[in-house]
Amino acid sequence: MKKDFGDSISNKVYEYRVLARMSQQDLAEKVGVSKQTIFVMEKGNYVPTLLLAFRIADFFNVDVNDIFTYVKGNDQNDN
């Protein structure tokens, strides 16, 4: 059985995109994904692959940790 640690990844894609005055479609084209992928990522409903996370960070010329943040969950069932 797969253990659920409750971990997640938060992101600032929306903030960086808006500051760059870009549409979701513009960013999607620049990093090679669909507009829908950018939309669900900004809503927090999609965790990108490492490759996509690095593409987005590279596009904005920032460290990947500036845009994506690991949020550790609470694992109550440590064995």
N, C-alpha and C. Protein backbone atom coordinates (compact mmCIF):
# COMPACT_ATOMS: atom_id res chain seq x y z
N MET A 1 0.84 -1.19 0.00
CA MET A 1 0.00 0.00 0.00
C MET A 1 0.89 1.25 0.00
N LYS A 2 0.55 2.18 -0.82
CA LYS A 2 1.29 3.43 -0.93
C LYS A 2 1.01 4.31 0.28
N LYS A 3 2.07 4.80 0.90
CA LYS A 3 1.94 5.64 2.09
C LYS A 3 1.74 7.10 1.68
N ASP A 4 0.75 7.75 2.26
CA ASP A 4 0.46 9.15 1.96
C ASP A 4 1.08 10.02 3.05
N PHE A 5 2.10 10.75 2.69
CA PHE A 5 2.79 11.62 3.64
C PHE A 5 2.12 12.99 3.76
N GLY A 6 1.22 13.31 2.86
CA GLY A 6 0.55 14.59 2.90
C GLY A 6 1.42 15.74 2.41
N ASP A 7 2.54 15.43 1.76
CA ASP A 7 3.43 16.46 1.24
C ASP A 7 2.80 17.12 0.01
N SER A 8 3.24 18.33 -0.28
CA SER A 8 2.76 19.01 -1.46
C SER A 8 3.82 19.99 -1.96
N ILE A 9 3.53 20.57 -3.10
CA ILE A 9 4.40 21.59 -3.69
C ILE A 9 3.53 22.82 -3.95
N SER A 10 3.91 23.94 -3.33
CA SER A 10 3.22 25.19 -3.64
C SER A 10 4.03 25.92 -4.70
N ASN A 11 3.41 26.84 -5.39
CA ASN A 11 4.15 27.54 -6.44
C ASN A 11 3.71 28.99 -6.55
N LYS A 12 4.57 29.76 -7.21
CA LYS A 12 4.33 31.18 -7.46
C LYS A 12 4.29 31.46 -8.96
N VAL A 13 3.85 30.47 -9.72
CA VAL A 13 3.80 30.63 -11.17
C VAL A 13 2.91 31.81 -11.55
N TYR A 14 1.75 31.91 -10.93
CA TYR A 14 0.83 33.01 -11.23
C TYR A 14 1.52 34.36 -11.00
N GLU A 15 2.17 34.52 -9.85
CA GLU A 15 2.81 35.79 -9.52
C GLU A 15 3.88 36.17 -10.55
N TYR A 16 4.72 35.20 -10.89
CA TYR A 16 5.78 35.48 -11.87
C TYR A 16 5.20 35.79 -13.24
N ARG A 17 4.16 35.06 -13.63
CA ARG A 17 3.55 35.27 -14.94
C ARG A 17 2.91 36.66 -15.03
N VAL A 18 2.19 37.04 -13.98
CA VAL A 18 1.53 38.35 -13.98
C VAL A 18 2.57 39.48 -13.98
N LEU A 19 3.61 39.33 -13.18
CA LEU A 19 4.67 40.36 -13.17
C LEU A 19 5.33 40.50 -14.54
N ALA A 20 5.39 39.40 -15.28
CA ALA A 20 5.97 39.43 -16.63
C ALA A 20 4.95 39.88 -17.68
N ARG A 21 3.71 40.17 -17.22
CA ARG A 21 2.63 40.61 -18.11
C ARG A 21 2.40 39.62 -19.26
N MET A 22 2.29 38.36 -18.86
CA MET A 22 2.08 37.29 -19.84
C MET A 22 0.73 36.63 -19.60
N SER A 23 0.15 36.10 -20.65
CA SER A 23 -1.05 35.29 -20.51
C SER A 23 -0.63 33.86 -20.20
N GLN A 24 -1.59 33.06 -19.76
CA GLN A 24 -1.30 31.64 -19.54
C GLN A 24 -0.85 30.99 -20.84
N GLN A 25 -1.48 31.37 -21.93
CA GLN A 25 -1.11 30.82 -23.24
C GLN A 25 0.32 31.19 -23.61
N ASP A 26 0.72 32.42 -23.36
CA ASP A 26 2.09 32.85 -23.68
C ASP A 26 3.10 32.01 -22.92
N LEU A 27 2.88 31.84 -21.60
CA LEU A 27 3.82 31.05 -20.80
C LEU A 27 3.83 29.60 -21.25
N ALA A 28 2.66 29.07 -21.51
CA ALA A 28 2.56 27.67 -21.97
C ALA A 28 3.39 27.44 -23.22
N GLU A 29 3.29 28.35 -24.18
CA GLU A 29 4.06 28.22 -25.42
C GLU A 29 5.56 28.30 -25.16
N LYS A 30 5.96 29.16 -24.24
CA LYS A 30 7.39 29.34 -23.95
C LYS A 30 8.00 28.11 -23.28
N VAL A 31 7.21 27.38 -22.48
CA VAL A 31 7.77 26.23 -21.75
C VAL A 31 7.31 24.89 -22.31
N GLY A 32 6.53 24.91 -23.39
CA GLY A 32 6.17 23.69 -24.10
C GLY A 32 5.06 22.85 -23.50
N VAL A 33 4.07 23.50 -22.91
CA VAL A 33 2.91 22.78 -22.37
C VAL A 33 1.63 23.47 -22.85
N SER A 34 0.49 22.93 -22.44
CA SER A 34 -0.78 23.53 -22.81
C SER A 34 -1.17 24.64 -21.83
N LYS A 35 -2.06 25.49 -22.28
CA LYS A 35 -2.60 26.54 -21.40
C LYS A 35 -3.27 25.91 -20.19
N GLN A 36 -3.94 24.78 -20.40
CA GLN A 36 -4.63 24.08 -19.31
C GLN A 36 -3.63 23.63 -18.23
N THR A 37 -2.45 23.22 -18.63
CA THR A 37 -1.42 22.82 -17.66
C THR A 37 -1.03 23.99 -16.77
N ILE A 38 -0.83 25.15 -17.37
CA ILE A 38 -0.49 26.35 -16.60
C ILE A 38 -1.66 26.70 -15.67
N PHE A 39 -2.87 26.63 -16.17
CA PHE A 39 -4.07 26.95 -15.38
C PHE A 39 -4.16 26.07 -14.14
N VAL A 40 -4.07 24.75 -14.31
CA VAL A 40 -4.23 23.86 -13.15
C VAL A 40 -3.03 23.95 -12.20
N MET A 41 -1.85 24.26 -12.73
CA MET A 41 -0.68 24.44 -11.88
C MET A 41 -0.86 25.68 -11.00
N GLU A 42 -1.32 26.77 -11.59
CA GLU A 42 -1.55 28.00 -10.83
C GLU A 42 -2.62 27.81 -9.75
N LYS A 43 -3.59 26.97 -10.01
CA LYS A 43 -4.66 26.70 -9.04
C LYS A 43 -4.20 25.73 -7.95
N GLY A 44 -3.01 25.15 -8.11
CA GLY A 44 -2.51 24.20 -7.12
C GLY A 44 -3.04 22.79 -7.29
N ASN A 45 -3.62 22.51 -8.46
CA ASN A 45 -4.19 21.19 -8.72
C ASN A 45 -3.29 20.29 -9.55
N TYR A 46 -2.07 20.73 -9.81
CA TYR A 46 -1.14 19.95 -10.61
C TYR A 46 0.28 20.25 -10.14
N VAL A 47 1.04 19.20 -9.89
CA VAL A 47 2.44 19.34 -9.53
C VAL A 47 3.25 19.01 -10.78
N PRO A 48 4.05 19.95 -11.25
CA PRO A 48 4.78 19.72 -12.50
C PRO A 48 5.91 18.71 -12.31
N THR A 49 6.34 18.14 -13.41
CA THR A 49 7.53 17.31 -13.39
C THR A 49 8.73 18.18 -13.05
N LEU A 50 9.81 17.57 -12.64
CA LEU A 50 11.03 18.35 -12.39
C LEU A 50 11.48 19.09 -13.64
N LEU A 51 11.38 18.42 -14.76
CA LEU A 51 11.79 19.05 -16.02
C LEU A 51 10.99 20.32 -16.29
N LEU A 52 9.68 20.25 -16.13
CA LEU A 52 8.85 21.44 -16.35
C LEU A 52 9.13 22.51 -15.31
N ALA A 53 9.32 22.13 -14.08
CA ALA A 53 9.63 23.11 -13.03
C ALA A 53 10.92 23.85 -13.37
N PHE A 54 11.93 23.13 -13.84
CA PHE A 54 13.19 23.78 -14.22
C PHE A 54 13.03 24.65 -15.47
N ARG A 55 12.20 24.21 -16.41
CA ARG A 55 11.94 25.04 -17.60
C ARG A 55 11.31 26.38 -17.22
N ILE A 56 10.33 26.31 -16.32
CA ILE A 56 9.65 27.54 -15.88
C ILE A 56 10.62 28.45 -15.14
N ALA A 57 11.40 27.89 -14.23
CA ALA A 57 12.38 28.69 -13.48
C ALA A 57 13.41 29.30 -14.44
N ASP A 58 13.86 28.51 -15.39
CA ASP A 58 14.84 29.00 -16.36
C ASP A 58 14.25 30.12 -17.20
N PHE A 59 13.00 29.98 -17.60
CA PHE A 59 12.36 31.02 -18.39
C PHE A 59 12.34 32.35 -17.64
N PHE A 60 12.01 32.29 -16.33
CA PHE A 60 11.96 33.52 -15.53
C PHE A 60 13.33 33.91 -14.97
N ASN A 61 14.35 33.11 -15.30
CA ASN A 61 15.73 33.38 -14.89
C ASN A 61 15.87 33.46 -13.36
N VAL A 62 15.23 32.51 -12.67
CA VAL A 62 15.32 32.41 -11.21
C VAL A 62 15.60 30.97 -10.83
N ASP A 63 15.97 30.76 -9.58
CA ASP A 63 16.17 29.42 -9.06
C ASP A 63 14.82 28.72 -8.94
N VAL A 64 14.80 27.43 -9.18
CA VAL A 64 13.56 26.67 -9.10
C VAL A 64 12.90 26.81 -7.73
N ASN A 65 13.69 26.97 -6.67
CA ASN A 65 13.15 27.13 -5.32
C ASN A 65 12.48 28.49 -5.11
N ASP A 66 12.73 29.44 -5.98
CA ASP A 66 12.04 30.73 -5.89
C ASP A 66 10.58 30.62 -6.33
N ILE A 67 10.30 29.67 -7.19
CA ILE A 67 8.94 29.51 -7.72
C ILE A 67 8.21 28.34 -7.05
N PHE A 68 8.92 27.26 -6.80
CA PHE A 68 8.30 26.05 -6.25
C PHE A 68 8.83 25.78 -4.84
N THR A 69 7.91 25.50 -3.92
CA THR A 69 8.27 25.27 -2.53
C THR A 69 7.71 23.94 -2.05
N TYR A 70 8.58 23.13 -1.48
CA TYR A 70 8.17 21.85 -0.90
C TYR A 70 7.52 22.11 0.45
N VAL A 71 6.32 21.57 0.62
CA VAL A 71 5.59 21.72 1.88
C VAL A 71 5.46 20.33 2.49
N LYS A 72 6.20 20.12 3.57
CA LYS A 72 6.22 18.81 4.21
C LYS A 72 4.92 18.57 4.95
N GLY A 73 4.33 17.39 4.74
CA GLY A 73 3.10 17.01 5.42
C GLY A 73 3.39 16.43 6.79
N ASN A 74 2.35 16.10 7.49
CA ASN A 74 2.49 15.49 8.81
C ASN A 74 2.18 14.00 8.67
N ASP A 75 3.21 13.17 8.83
CA ASP A 75 3.01 11.74 8.79
C ASP A 75 2.82 11.24 10.21
N GLN A 76 1.60 10.94 10.56
CA GLN A 76 1.26 10.52 11.92
C GLN A 76 1.54 9.04 12.15
N ASN A 77 1.84 8.29 11.08
CA ASN A 77 1.96 6.85 11.20
C ASN A 77 3.39 6.36 11.00
N ASP A 78 4.37 7.02 11.56
CA ASP A 78 5.76 6.56 11.44
C ASP A 78 5.92 5.21 12.12
N ASN A 79 6.59 4.28 11.44
CA ASN A 79 6.86 2.96 12.02
C ASN A 79 8.31 2.82 12.34
